[in-house]
Protein backbone atom coordinates (compact mmCIF):
# COMPACT_ATOMS: atom_id res chain seq x y z
CA MET A 1 -26.28 -8.20 -35.52
CA HIS A 2 -22.92 -6.86 -34.21
CA CYS A 3 -22.32 -6.55 -30.52
CA GLY A 4 -19.71 -3.87 -30.95
CA TYR A 5 -16.73 -6.01 -29.10
CA LYS A 6 -13.53 -6.90 -31.09
CA TYR A 7 -12.20 -10.47 -30.78
CA THR A 8 -8.73 -10.92 -29.64
CA PRO A 9 -6.80 -14.43 -29.72
CA GLU A 10 -4.14 -13.36 -27.24
CA PRO A 11 -5.44 -10.29 -25.14
CA LYS A 12 -2.94 -7.71 -24.21
CA PRO A 13 -1.66 -7.60 -20.47
CA ARG A 14 -3.47 -4.47 -18.60
CA GLY A 15 -1.98 -2.78 -15.57
CA TYR A 16 1.79 -3.34 -14.26
CA PRO A 17 4.39 -5.73 -13.36
CA GLU A 18 4.10 -7.07 -9.86
CA GLU A 19 7.44 -6.30 -9.02
CA MET A 20 6.93 -2.82 -9.75
CA ARG A 21 4.39 -2.08 -7.44
CA LYS A 22 6.71 -4.41 -5.12
CA GLN A 23 9.38 -1.92 -5.34
CA ALA A 24 6.92 1.48 -5.26
CA VAL A 25 5.86 0.07 -2.03
CA GLN A 26 9.00 -0.65 -0.70
CA MET A 27 10.24 2.50 -1.75
CA TYR A 28 7.09 4.41 0.04
CA VAL A 29 8.35 2.08 3.27
CA ASP A 30 11.98 3.53 2.95
CA GLY A 31 10.34 6.96 3.25
CA ILE A 32 10.71 7.92 -0.27
CA ASN A 33 7.32 10.40 -0.97
CA LEU A 34 4.71 9.06 -3.35
CA ARG A 35 5.14 11.62 -5.68
CA ARG A 36 9.10 11.03 -6.49
CA ILE A 37 8.35 7.38 -6.62
CA ALA A 38 5.47 8.43 -9.14
CA ARG A 39 8.10 10.19 -10.77
CA HIS A 40 10.68 7.46 -10.72
CA PHE A 41 8.41 5.44 -12.87
CA GLY A 42 6.21 7.82 -14.55
CA ILE A 43 3.15 7.08 -13.64
CA HIS A 44 0.21 9.16 -11.15
CA HIS A 45 1.37 9.52 -7.84
CA ARG A 46 -2.53 8.19 -6.88
CA THR A 47 -1.46 4.70 -8.58
CA VAL A 48 1.48 4.69 -6.32
CA SER A 49 -0.83 5.21 -3.25
CA LEU A 50 -3.26 2.53 -4.02
CA TRP A 51 -0.91 0.40 -4.51
CA VAL A 52 0.78 1.18 -0.79
CA GLN A 53 -3.09 1.17 0.51
CA ALA A 54 -3.86 -2.15 -1.15
CA SER A 55 -0.69 -3.68 0.52
CA ALA A 56 -0.85 -2.24 3.82
CA ALA A 57 -2.39 -4.77 5.66
CA SER A 58 0.62 -7.53 4.67
CA LEU A 59 3.17 -4.48 6.04
CA PRO A 60 4.83 -5.18 9.35
CA GLU A 61 4.00 -3.06 12.36
CA ALA A 62 6.41 0.23 12.78
CA PRO A 63 8.72 -0.71 15.18
CA VAL A 64 7.85 1.75 18.50
CA PRO A 65 11.59 2.20 21.26
CA SER A 66 10.88 1.27 24.98
CA GLU A 67 12.74 4.31 25.62
CA VAL A 68 13.70 7.23 23.57
CA LYS A 69 17.48 8.51 24.18
CA THR A 70 17.77 11.34 21.53
CA ALA A 71 14.75 13.46 20.03
CA GLU A 72 15.65 15.63 17.05
CA MET A 73 13.76 18.86 15.74
CA ASP A 74 12.56 19.38 12.55
CA GLU A 75 14.71 22.27 10.98
CA LEU A 76 11.63 23.22 9.01
CA PHE A 77 9.53 23.45 12.07
CA THR A 78 12.49 25.35 13.91
CA PHE A 79 12.79 27.62 11.13
CA ILE A 80 9.26 28.65 11.08
CA GLY A 81 8.85 28.84 14.64
CA ASN A 82 11.33 31.38 14.98
CA LYS A 83 10.79 33.42 12.12
CA LYS A 84 9.58 36.30 12.58
CA THR A 85 6.12 37.95 10.30
CA GLY A 86 6.54 41.35 10.48
CA SER A 87 3.22 41.51 11.81
CA THR A 88 2.52 43.00 15.28
CA SER A 89 0.11 41.76 17.80
């Protein structure tokens, strides 16, 4: 009787290289979004998301300043907030 499995003397490596994972997580920490990272490596953005989640516990805490001297307003928020919609209320 045949079990359906094929014997492979040297199995092919699966997954992505550890260096690639580390680089993707570092790019995310540096502020690059998941989809851009995924396009850079030619993989699905969900894969990058899983790598980030898996390494989240080992990432350092984000620094929090004791005082804020300068605050910047997001340009998109300002644009949308000042945009006239044309509807009357």
